[in-house]
Amino acid sequence: MQEEIINRVTNSKLKTFDLEEIYPEGKREVFDVKDWLFQELILKEKDFRESVQNHDWSQYKNSFVAISCSVDAIIPSWAFMLVASELIPFANKVVIGDLELLETVLYQELISFLDLKEFINAPVIIKGCANKPIPDSAYVFLIEKLQPVARSIMFGEACSTVPLYKIKK
C-alpha cells in the first residue's frame, strides 16, 4: 500500500509574493534628446522647441518612457521638462534617466500602495526567479514594506529559500 504524498508547502501558512504579478504591462521606451541637438552636442533653444512642437507624441500612448541623452552634452533641466510635458498626456509614466530607473520608479510606486493584510504575521517567501526586468531595488522596497508586518521573510522558491528576516523573540 502506497502512502499518500502530501504537499506540505501547499498546506502551510507560507505566503508567496511574486513581483512579476504586479509588473505593469506596456511598452518601455527611451526617448533620447541627442537627435535634437546641434551636432549632437549643443542645445539651440529655438531648434529644440521646434523639434518638440513638430514631434508626434501620440506614438507614446500607454508607454512607459525614460527621457535621456546618450551623448556627453549639457542639457538644461527645462529641456527635459519640456519633453516630459509633451509626453505626460500620452505616456503612463515618464522619468528622466534610463530603463532601470524607470522600472525602479514603477515598482517603488506600486509597492507603496500594496495592501498587505494577507501577509500580517505570516511567513513570506519573496519569489526569486523572474522573466521580467525587476530591478534589485524593487526587492528592497518590498522587504521594507513587508518586514513590519510579516513573521518571517525568505527569498527564493518554497523548495529552496534563503532566510532574510525573522521576528526576534
N, C-alpha and C. Protein backbone atom coordinates (compact mmCIF):
# COMPACT_ATOMS: atom_id res chain seq x y z
N MET A 1 0.84 -1.18 0.00
CA MET A 1 0.00 0.00 0.00
C MET A 1 0.89 1.25 0.00
N GLN A 2 0.62 2.12 -0.96
CA GLN A 2 1.41 3.36 -1.06
C GLN A 2 0.83 4.42 -0.15
N GLU A 3 1.77 5.19 0.45
CA GLU A 3 1.32 6.32 1.25
C GLU A 3 0.98 7.49 0.35
N GLU A 4 -0.01 8.24 0.77
CA GLU A 4 -0.41 9.42 0.00
C GLU A 4 0.67 10.49 0.14
N ILE A 5 1.01 11.10 -0.98
CA ILE A 5 2.01 12.18 -0.96
C ILE A 5 1.29 13.46 -0.56
N ILE A 6 1.81 14.09 0.46
CA ILE A 6 1.20 15.32 0.96
C ILE A 6 2.10 16.49 0.61
N ASN A 7 1.55 17.49 -0.04
CA ASN A 7 2.29 18.70 -0.38
C ASN A 7 2.25 19.63 0.83
N ARG A 8 3.32 19.60 1.61
CA ARG A 8 3.34 20.39 2.84
C ARG A 8 3.45 21.89 2.54
N VAL A 9 4.03 22.25 1.40
CA VAL A 9 4.14 23.67 1.04
C VAL A 9 2.74 24.24 0.79
N THR A 10 1.92 23.49 0.04
CA THR A 10 0.56 23.95 -0.25
C THR A 10 -0.26 24.07 1.02
N ASN A 11 -0.06 23.14 1.96
CA ASN A 11 -0.83 23.13 3.20
C ASN A 11 -0.27 24.06 4.27
N SER A 12 0.87 24.65 4.03
CA SER A 12 1.48 25.52 5.04
C SER A 12 0.86 26.92 4.99
N LYS A 13 1.25 27.72 5.95
CA LYS A 13 0.76 29.10 6.02
C LYS A 13 1.66 30.05 5.23
N LEU A 14 2.63 29.49 4.52
CA LEU A 14 3.54 30.30 3.72
C LEU A 14 2.78 31.14 2.70
N LYS A 15 3.16 32.38 2.60
CA LYS A 15 2.60 33.28 1.58
C LYS A 15 3.72 33.64 0.63
N THR A 16 3.45 33.52 -0.66
CA THR A 16 4.46 33.85 -1.66
C THR A 16 4.12 35.19 -2.30
N PHE A 17 5.14 36.02 -2.45
CA PHE A 17 4.96 37.30 -3.14
C PHE A 17 5.84 37.27 -4.37
N ASP A 18 5.20 37.41 -5.52
CA ASP A 18 5.91 37.39 -6.81
C ASP A 18 5.82 38.78 -7.42
N LEU A 19 6.95 39.48 -7.50
CA LEU A 19 6.96 40.83 -8.06
C LEU A 19 6.51 40.87 -9.52
N GLU A 20 6.65 39.76 -10.23
CA GLU A 20 6.18 39.71 -11.61
C GLU A 20 4.66 39.89 -11.70
N GLU A 21 3.96 39.49 -10.66
CA GLU A 21 2.49 39.58 -10.69
C GLU A 21 2.00 41.02 -10.68
N ILE A 22 2.83 41.94 -10.20
CA ILE A 22 2.39 43.35 -10.20
C ILE A 22 3.10 44.16 -11.29
N TYR A 23 3.87 43.47 -12.14
CA TYR A 23 4.59 44.14 -13.21
C TYR A 23 3.60 44.83 -14.15
N PRO A 24 3.74 46.14 -14.34
CA PRO A 24 2.80 46.84 -15.22
C PRO A 24 3.11 46.57 -16.70
N GLU A 25 2.15 46.02 -17.38
CA GLU A 25 2.34 45.72 -18.80
C GLU A 25 2.31 47.01 -19.61
N GLY A 26 3.06 47.05 -20.65
CA GLY A 26 3.13 48.21 -21.53
C GLY A 26 4.52 48.36 -22.10
N LYS A 27 4.60 49.03 -23.20
CA LYS A 27 5.86 49.22 -23.89
C LYS A 27 6.77 50.15 -23.09
N ARG A 28 8.05 49.79 -23.02
CA ARG A 28 9.07 50.63 -22.39
C ARG A 28 9.87 51.27 -23.51
N GLU A 29 10.10 52.58 -23.38
CA GLU A 29 10.84 53.29 -24.42
C GLU A 29 11.82 54.27 -23.80
N VAL A 30 12.93 54.45 -24.50
CA VAL A 30 13.88 55.50 -24.14
C VAL A 30 13.72 56.61 -25.17
N PHE A 31 13.49 57.81 -24.70
CA PHE A 31 13.42 58.97 -25.58
C PHE A 31 14.74 59.71 -25.44
N ASP A 32 15.56 59.68 -26.49
CA ASP A 32 16.90 60.26 -26.47
C ASP A 32 16.86 61.65 -27.12
N VAL A 33 17.19 62.68 -26.36
CA VAL A 33 17.15 64.04 -26.90
C VAL A 33 18.35 64.37 -27.78
N LYS A 34 19.32 63.48 -27.87
CA LYS A 34 20.53 63.78 -28.64
C LYS A 34 20.23 64.12 -30.10
N ASP A 35 19.20 63.52 -30.65
CA ASP A 35 18.86 63.78 -32.05
C ASP A 35 18.38 65.21 -32.29
N TRP A 36 18.03 65.89 -31.23
CA TRP A 36 17.55 67.27 -31.36
C TRP A 36 18.61 68.30 -30.96
N LEU A 37 19.83 67.85 -30.84
CA LEU A 37 20.94 68.76 -30.52
C LEU A 37 21.71 69.08 -31.79
N PHE A 38 22.23 70.27 -31.84
CA PHE A 38 23.08 70.68 -32.96
C PHE A 38 24.38 69.89 -32.87
N GLN A 39 24.69 69.12 -33.91
CA GLN A 39 25.86 68.25 -33.97
C GLN A 39 25.93 67.31 -32.76
N GLU A 40 24.77 66.94 -32.25
CA GLU A 40 24.66 66.06 -31.08
C GLU A 40 25.48 66.58 -29.90
N LEU A 41 25.58 67.89 -29.79
CA LEU A 41 26.44 68.47 -28.77
C LEU A 41 25.83 69.69 -28.08
N ILE A 42 25.15 70.52 -28.86
CA ILE A 42 24.69 71.81 -28.34
C ILE A 42 23.18 71.92 -28.49
N LEU A 43 22.54 72.35 -27.42
CA LEU A 43 21.11 72.58 -27.48
C LEU A 43 20.86 74.03 -27.90
N LYS A 44 20.25 74.18 -29.05
CA LYS A 44 19.82 75.51 -29.51
C LYS A 44 18.32 75.59 -29.20
N GLU A 45 17.97 76.51 -28.33
CA GLU A 45 16.59 76.56 -27.81
C GLU A 45 15.55 76.62 -28.92
N LYS A 46 15.72 77.51 -29.87
CA LYS A 46 14.71 77.68 -30.93
C LYS A 46 14.53 76.37 -31.72
N ASP A 47 15.62 75.74 -32.12
CA ASP A 47 15.56 74.49 -32.88
C ASP A 47 14.97 73.37 -32.02
N PHE A 48 15.36 73.32 -30.76
CA PHE A 48 14.88 72.28 -29.86
C PHE A 48 13.36 72.40 -29.68
N ARG A 49 12.89 73.62 -29.44
CA ARG A 49 11.45 73.84 -29.26
C ARG A 49 10.68 73.49 -30.54
N GLU A 50 11.27 73.77 -31.67
CA GLU A 50 10.63 73.44 -32.94
C GLU A 50 10.51 71.91 -33.09
N SER A 51 11.55 71.21 -32.72
CA SER A 51 11.52 69.74 -32.78
C SER A 51 10.45 69.18 -31.84
N VAL A 52 10.36 69.75 -30.67
CA VAL A 52 9.34 69.32 -29.70
C VAL A 52 7.94 69.56 -30.27
N GLN A 53 7.75 70.73 -30.83
CA GLN A 53 6.44 71.10 -31.37
C GLN A 53 6.03 70.21 -32.55
N ASN A 54 6.98 69.79 -33.37
CA ASN A 54 6.67 69.02 -34.58
C ASN A 54 6.66 67.50 -34.38
N HIS A 55 6.99 67.06 -33.19
CA HIS A 55 7.07 65.62 -32.92
C HIS A 55 5.68 65.03 -32.69
N ASP A 56 5.47 63.81 -33.15
CA ASP A 56 4.20 63.10 -32.91
C ASP A 56 4.27 62.38 -31.57
N TRP A 57 3.74 63.00 -30.54
CA TRP A 57 3.81 62.47 -29.18
C TRP A 57 2.81 61.33 -28.96
N SER A 58 1.81 61.24 -29.82
CA SER A 58 0.78 60.21 -29.64
C SER A 58 1.34 58.79 -29.76
N GLN A 59 2.50 58.64 -30.37
CA GLN A 59 3.11 57.31 -30.51
C GLN A 59 3.52 56.71 -29.17
N TYR A 60 3.53 57.51 -28.12
CA TYR A 60 3.91 57.04 -26.80
C TYR A 60 2.70 56.72 -25.92
N LYS A 61 1.52 56.66 -26.54
CA LYS A 61 0.29 56.37 -25.80
C LYS A 61 0.44 55.04 -25.06
N ASN A 62 0.15 55.07 -23.77
CA ASN A 62 0.21 53.90 -22.88
C ASN A 62 1.59 53.28 -22.74
N SER A 63 2.62 54.04 -23.06
CA SER A 63 4.00 53.56 -22.90
C SER A 63 4.57 54.08 -21.59
N PHE A 64 5.69 53.49 -21.20
CA PHE A 64 6.47 53.95 -20.06
C PHE A 64 7.76 54.48 -20.67
N VAL A 65 8.07 55.76 -20.39
CA VAL A 65 9.14 56.43 -21.12
C VAL A 65 10.23 56.96 -20.19
N ALA A 66 11.47 56.66 -20.55
CA ALA A 66 12.63 57.22 -19.87
C ALA A 66 13.27 58.23 -20.83
N ILE A 67 13.34 59.47 -20.40
CA ILE A 67 13.97 60.52 -21.20
C ILE A 67 15.45 60.57 -20.83
N SER A 68 16.30 60.56 -21.85
CA SER A 68 17.73 60.60 -21.58
C SER A 68 18.47 61.33 -22.70
N CYS A 69 19.76 61.46 -22.50
CA CYS A 69 20.64 61.98 -23.54
C CYS A 69 21.86 61.07 -23.56
N SER A 70 22.05 60.38 -24.67
CA SER A 70 23.11 59.37 -24.76
C SER A 70 24.47 59.93 -25.16
N VAL A 71 24.56 61.23 -25.35
CA VAL A 71 25.86 61.83 -25.67
C VAL A 71 26.27 62.75 -24.52
N ASP A 72 27.53 63.07 -24.50
CA ASP A 72 28.07 63.91 -23.44
C ASP A 72 27.80 65.38 -23.77
N ALA A 73 26.61 65.83 -23.43
CA ALA A 73 26.21 67.22 -23.68
C ALA A 73 25.55 67.76 -22.42
N ILE A 74 25.65 69.05 -22.25
CA ILE A 74 24.99 69.68 -21.11
C ILE A 74 23.57 70.06 -21.54
N ILE A 75 22.60 69.43 -20.91
CA ILE A 75 21.20 69.66 -21.23
C ILE A 75 20.56 70.38 -20.05
N PRO A 76 19.99 71.55 -20.27
CA PRO A 76 19.35 72.25 -19.16
C PRO A 76 18.08 71.51 -18.71
N SER A 77 17.76 71.63 -17.45
CA SER A 77 16.60 70.94 -16.88
C SER A 77 15.31 71.25 -17.62
N TRP A 78 15.16 72.49 -18.07
CA TRP A 78 13.91 72.87 -18.73
C TRP A 78 13.68 72.06 -20.00
N ALA A 79 14.76 71.61 -20.66
CA ALA A 79 14.62 70.83 -21.90
C ALA A 79 13.97 69.47 -21.60
N PHE A 80 14.45 68.81 -20.55
CA PHE A 80 13.83 67.54 -20.15
C PHE A 80 12.38 67.77 -19.71
N MET A 81 12.15 68.87 -19.00
CA MET A 81 10.80 69.18 -18.53
C MET A 81 9.87 69.46 -19.72
N LEU A 82 10.37 70.12 -20.73
CA LEU A 82 9.58 70.42 -21.92
C LEU A 82 9.17 69.12 -22.62
N VAL A 83 10.11 68.23 -22.78
CA VAL A 83 9.81 66.93 -23.40
C VAL A 83 8.80 66.17 -22.53
N ALA A 84 9.03 66.16 -21.22
CA ALA A 84 8.11 65.47 -20.31
C ALA A 84 6.70 66.05 -20.40
N SER A 85 6.60 67.37 -20.52
CA SER A 85 5.27 67.99 -20.57
C SER A 85 4.48 67.55 -21.79
N GLU A 86 5.18 67.19 -22.85
CA GLU A 86 4.50 66.68 -24.05
C GLU A 86 4.19 65.19 -23.93
N LEU A 87 5.02 64.46 -23.22
CA LEU A 87 4.82 63.02 -23.06
C LEU A 87 3.71 62.68 -22.06
N ILE A 88 3.60 63.47 -21.02
CA ILE A 88 2.68 63.16 -19.92
C ILE A 88 1.24 62.91 -20.36
N PRO A 89 0.67 63.65 -21.30
CA PRO A 89 -0.70 63.33 -21.69
C PRO A 89 -0.88 61.96 -22.36
N PHE A 90 0.21 61.38 -22.84
CA PHE A 90 0.12 60.11 -23.57
C PHE A 90 0.70 58.93 -22.80
N ALA A 91 1.84 59.12 -22.17
CA ALA A 91 2.55 58.02 -21.52
C ALA A 91 1.95 57.68 -20.16
N ASN A 92 2.11 56.42 -19.76
CA ASN A 92 1.66 56.01 -18.43
C ASN A 92 2.58 56.53 -17.34
N LYS A 93 3.87 56.65 -17.66
CA LYS A 93 4.85 57.15 -16.71
C LYS A 93 6.02 57.72 -17.48
N VAL A 94 6.58 58.82 -16.97
CA VAL A 94 7.74 59.46 -17.59
C VAL A 94 8.77 59.72 -16.50
N VAL A 95 10.02 59.34 -16.76
CA VAL A 95 11.13 59.66 -15.86
C VAL A 95 12.28 60.20 -16.69
N ILE A 96 13.19 60.88 -16.02
CA ILE A 96 14.44 61.29 -16.66
C ILE A 96 15.49 60.31 -16.17
N GLY A 97 16.03 59.53 -17.08
CA GLY A 97 17.00 58.51 -16.71
C GLY A 97 16.97 57.36 -17.70
N ASP A 98 17.38 56.19 -17.24
CA ASP A 98 17.42 55.02 -18.11
C ASP A 98 16.28 54.06 -17.78
N LEU A 99 16.25 52.93 -18.48
CA LEU A 99 15.16 51.97 -18.27
C LEU A 99 15.19 51.36 -16.88
N GLU A 100 16.36 51.18 -16.30
CA GLU A 100 16.43 50.63 -14.94
C GLU A 100 15.80 51.60 -13.95
N LEU A 101 16.08 52.89 -14.10
CA LEU A 101 15.45 53.88 -13.23
C LEU A 101 13.94 53.87 -13.43
N LEU A 102 13.49 53.75 -14.66
CA LEU A 102 12.06 53.70 -14.95
C LEU A 102 11.42 52.53 -14.20
N GLU A 103 12.01 51.35 -14.29
CA GLU A 103 11.47 50.17 -13.59
C GLU A 103 11.51 50.38 -12.08
N THR A 104 12.56 51.00 -11.59
CA THR A 104 12.68 51.27 -10.16
C THR A 104 11.55 52.17 -9.68
N VAL A 105 11.30 53.24 -10.41
CA VAL A 105 10.23 54.17 -10.04
C VAL A 105 8.87 53.48 -10.10
N LEU A 106 8.65 52.69 -11.13
CA LEU A 106 7.37 51.97 -11.26
C LEU A 106 7.15 51.07 -10.06
N TYR A 107 8.15 50.28 -9.71
CA TYR A 107 8.00 49.36 -8.58
C TYR A 107 7.89 50.09 -7.25
N GLN A 108 8.60 51.19 -7.10
CA GLN A 108 8.51 51.95 -5.85
C GLN A 108 7.08 52.44 -5.65
N GLU A 109 6.47 52.93 -6.71
CA GLU A 109 5.09 53.40 -6.60
C GLU A 109 4.13 52.25 -6.35
N LEU A 110 4.27 51.16 -7.10
CA LEU A 110 3.38 50.02 -6.94
C LEU A 110 3.45 49.43 -5.53
N ILE A 111 4.66 49.25 -5.03
CA ILE A 111 4.84 48.65 -3.71
C ILE A 111 4.32 49.56 -2.61
N SER A 112 4.46 50.86 -2.79
CA SER A 112 3.98 51.79 -1.75
C SER A 112 2.47 51.69 -1.53
N PHE A 113 1.72 51.24 -2.55
CA PHE A 113 0.27 51.16 -2.43
C PHE A 113 -0.24 49.74 -2.16
N LEU A 114 0.65 48.80 -1.90
CA LEU A 114 0.22 47.42 -1.68
C LEU A 114 -0.61 47.27 -0.41
N ASP A 115 -1.61 46.43 -0.49
CA ASP A 115 -2.40 46.04 0.67
C ASP A 115 -1.78 44.75 1.20
N LEU A 116 -1.26 44.79 2.40
CA LEU A 116 -0.51 43.65 2.93
C LEU A 116 -1.27 42.87 4.00
N LYS A 117 -2.59 43.00 4.05
CA LYS A 117 -3.37 42.31 5.09
C LYS A 117 -3.09 40.82 5.14
N GLU A 118 -3.00 40.18 3.98
CA GLU A 118 -2.80 38.73 3.96
C GLU A 118 -1.41 38.30 4.43
N PHE A 119 -0.50 39.25 4.58
CA PHE A 119 0.87 38.92 4.99
C PHE A 119 1.12 39.20 6.47
N ILE A 120 0.11 39.71 7.18
CA ILE A 120 0.27 40.05 8.59
C ILE A 120 0.56 38.78 9.39
N ASN A 121 1.67 38.80 10.11
CA ASN A 121 2.11 37.71 10.97
C ASN A 121 2.28 36.38 10.22
N ALA A 122 2.58 36.45 8.94
CA ALA A 122 2.73 35.24 8.13
C ALA A 122 4.19 35.06 7.72
N PRO A 123 4.59 33.81 7.50
CA PRO A 123 5.90 33.58 6.88
C PRO A 123 5.76 33.86 5.38
N VAL A 124 6.66 34.68 4.84
CA VAL A 124 6.55 35.13 3.46
C VAL A 124 7.79 34.72 2.67
N ILE A 125 7.54 34.25 1.45
CA ILE A 125 8.62 33.98 0.51
C ILE A 125 8.51 35.00 -0.62
N ILE A 126 9.58 35.72 -0.83
CA ILE A 126 9.64 36.62 -1.99
C ILE A 126 10.24 35.79 -3.12
N LYS A 127 9.44 35.59 -4.16
CA LYS A 127 9.87 34.75 -5.27
C LYS A 127 11.09 35.37 -5.95
N GLY A 128 12.06 34.51 -6.25
CA GLY A 128 13.33 35.00 -6.76
C GLY A 128 13.49 35.01 -8.26
N CYS A 129 13.04 33.99 -8.93
CA CYS A 129 13.25 33.91 -10.38
C CYS A 129 12.25 34.79 -11.10
N ALA A 130 12.73 35.55 -12.07
CA ALA A 130 11.84 36.45 -12.80
C ALA A 130 12.21 36.46 -14.28
N ASN A 131 11.20 36.56 -15.10
CA ASN A 131 11.40 36.67 -16.54
C ASN A 131 11.25 38.12 -17.01
N LYS A 132 10.86 38.98 -16.11
CA LYS A 132 10.66 40.39 -16.44
C LYS A 132 11.76 41.21 -15.77
N PRO A 133 12.01 42.41 -16.28
CA PRO A 133 13.12 43.22 -15.73
C PRO A 133 12.78 43.86 -14.38
N ILE A 134 12.96 43.09 -13.33
CA ILE A 134 12.68 43.60 -11.99
C ILE A 134 14.00 44.08 -11.39
N PRO A 135 14.10 45.37 -11.09
CA PRO A 135 15.36 45.89 -10.54
C PRO A 135 15.58 45.40 -9.11
N ASP A 136 16.83 45.26 -8.72
CA ASP A 136 17.15 44.82 -7.36
C ASP A 136 16.50 45.72 -6.32
N SER A 137 16.40 46.99 -6.62
CA SER A 137 15.80 47.92 -5.65
C SER A 137 14.36 47.56 -5.33
N ALA A 138 13.64 46.94 -6.27
CA ALA A 138 12.25 46.54 -6.01
C ALA A 138 12.18 45.54 -4.87
N TYR A 139 13.15 44.66 -4.78
CA TYR A 139 13.18 43.69 -3.69
C TYR A 139 13.40 44.39 -2.35
N VAL A 140 14.23 45.42 -2.37
CA VAL A 140 14.46 46.20 -1.14
C VAL A 140 13.19 46.95 -0.75
N PHE A 141 12.53 47.56 -1.71
CA PHE A 141 11.26 48.25 -1.40
C PHE A 141 10.26 47.28 -0.80
N LEU A 142 10.21 46.07 -1.36
CA LEU A 142 9.25 45.08 -0.88
C LEU A 142 9.56 44.62 0.53
N ILE A 143 10.83 44.32 0.81
CA ILE A 143 11.16 43.87 2.16
C ILE A 143 10.94 44.99 3.17
N GLU A 144 11.18 46.21 2.75
CA GLU A 144 10.93 47.37 3.62
C GLU A 144 9.44 47.46 3.98
N LYS A 145 8.60 47.13 3.03
CA LYS A 145 7.14 47.18 3.24
C LYS A 145 6.65 45.96 4.04
N LEU A 146 7.23 44.79 3.78
CA LEU A 146 6.78 43.55 4.43
C LEU A 146 7.31 43.37 5.85
N GLN A 147 8.51 43.79 6.09
CA GLN A 147 9.15 43.50 7.38
C GLN A 147 8.35 43.94 8.60
N PRO A 148 7.69 45.08 8.58
CA PRO A 148 6.91 45.46 9.77
C PRO A 148 5.68 44.56 10.03
N VAL A 149 5.24 43.80 9.04
CA VAL A 149 4.01 43.01 9.23
C VAL A 149 4.24 41.50 9.20
N ALA A 150 5.24 41.02 8.49
CA ALA A 150 5.45 39.57 8.33
C ALA A 150 6.15 38.97 9.54
N ARG A 151 5.86 37.69 9.79
CA ARG A 151 6.54 36.96 10.86
C ARG A 151 7.97 36.62 10.44
N SER A 152 8.12 36.23 9.16
CA SER A 152 9.44 35.94 8.62
C SER A 152 9.41 36.21 7.12
N ILE A 153 10.61 36.46 6.57
CA ILE A 153 10.73 36.71 5.13
C ILE A 153 11.89 35.88 4.61
N MET A 154 11.60 35.18 3.52
CA MET A 154 12.61 34.36 2.85
C MET A 154 12.64 34.75 1.38
N PHE A 155 13.71 34.38 0.72
CA PHE A 155 13.85 34.69 -0.70
C PHE A 155 14.10 33.40 -1.46
N GLY A 156 13.46 33.24 -2.60
CA GLY A 156 13.69 32.07 -3.45
C GLY A 156 12.40 31.37 -3.81
N GLU A 157 12.43 30.05 -3.75
CA GLU A 157 11.28 29.21 -4.02
C GLU A 157 11.01 28.39 -2.77
N ALA A 158 9.79 27.86 -2.64
CA ALA A 158 9.42 27.12 -1.43
C ALA A 158 10.36 25.96 -1.15
N CYS A 159 10.92 25.36 -2.18
CA CYS A 159 11.81 24.20 -2.01
C CYS A 159 13.24 24.62 -1.67
N SER A 160 13.57 25.89 -1.86
CA SER A 160 14.94 26.34 -1.66
C SER A 160 14.93 27.83 -1.36
N THR A 161 14.90 28.16 -0.07
CA THR A 161 14.81 29.57 0.30
C THR A 161 16.05 30.02 1.07
N VAL A 162 16.27 31.31 1.03
CA VAL A 162 17.31 31.95 1.82
C VAL A 162 16.60 32.80 2.86
N PRO A 163 16.80 32.52 4.15
CA PRO A 163 16.15 33.34 5.17
C PRO A 163 16.73 34.76 5.18
N LEU A 164 15.82 35.74 5.28
CA LEU A 164 16.23 37.14 5.30
C LEU A 164 15.90 37.84 6.61
N TYR A 165 14.74 37.49 7.16
CA TYR A 165 14.25 38.21 8.35
C TYR A 165 13.35 37.29 9.15
N LYS A 166 13.44 37.40 10.48
CA LYS A 166 12.53 36.68 11.35
C LYS A 166 12.35 37.52 12.61
N ILE A 167 11.10 37.60 13.05
CA ILE A 167 10.83 38.35 14.28
C ILE A 167 11.65 37.75 15.41
N LYS A 168 12.33 38.61 16.12
CA LYS A 168 13.14 38.14 17.26
C LYS A 168 12.25 38.05 18.49
N LYS A 169 12.34 36.91 19.14
CA LYS A 169 11.50 36.69 20.34
C LYS A 169 12.21 37.12 21.58
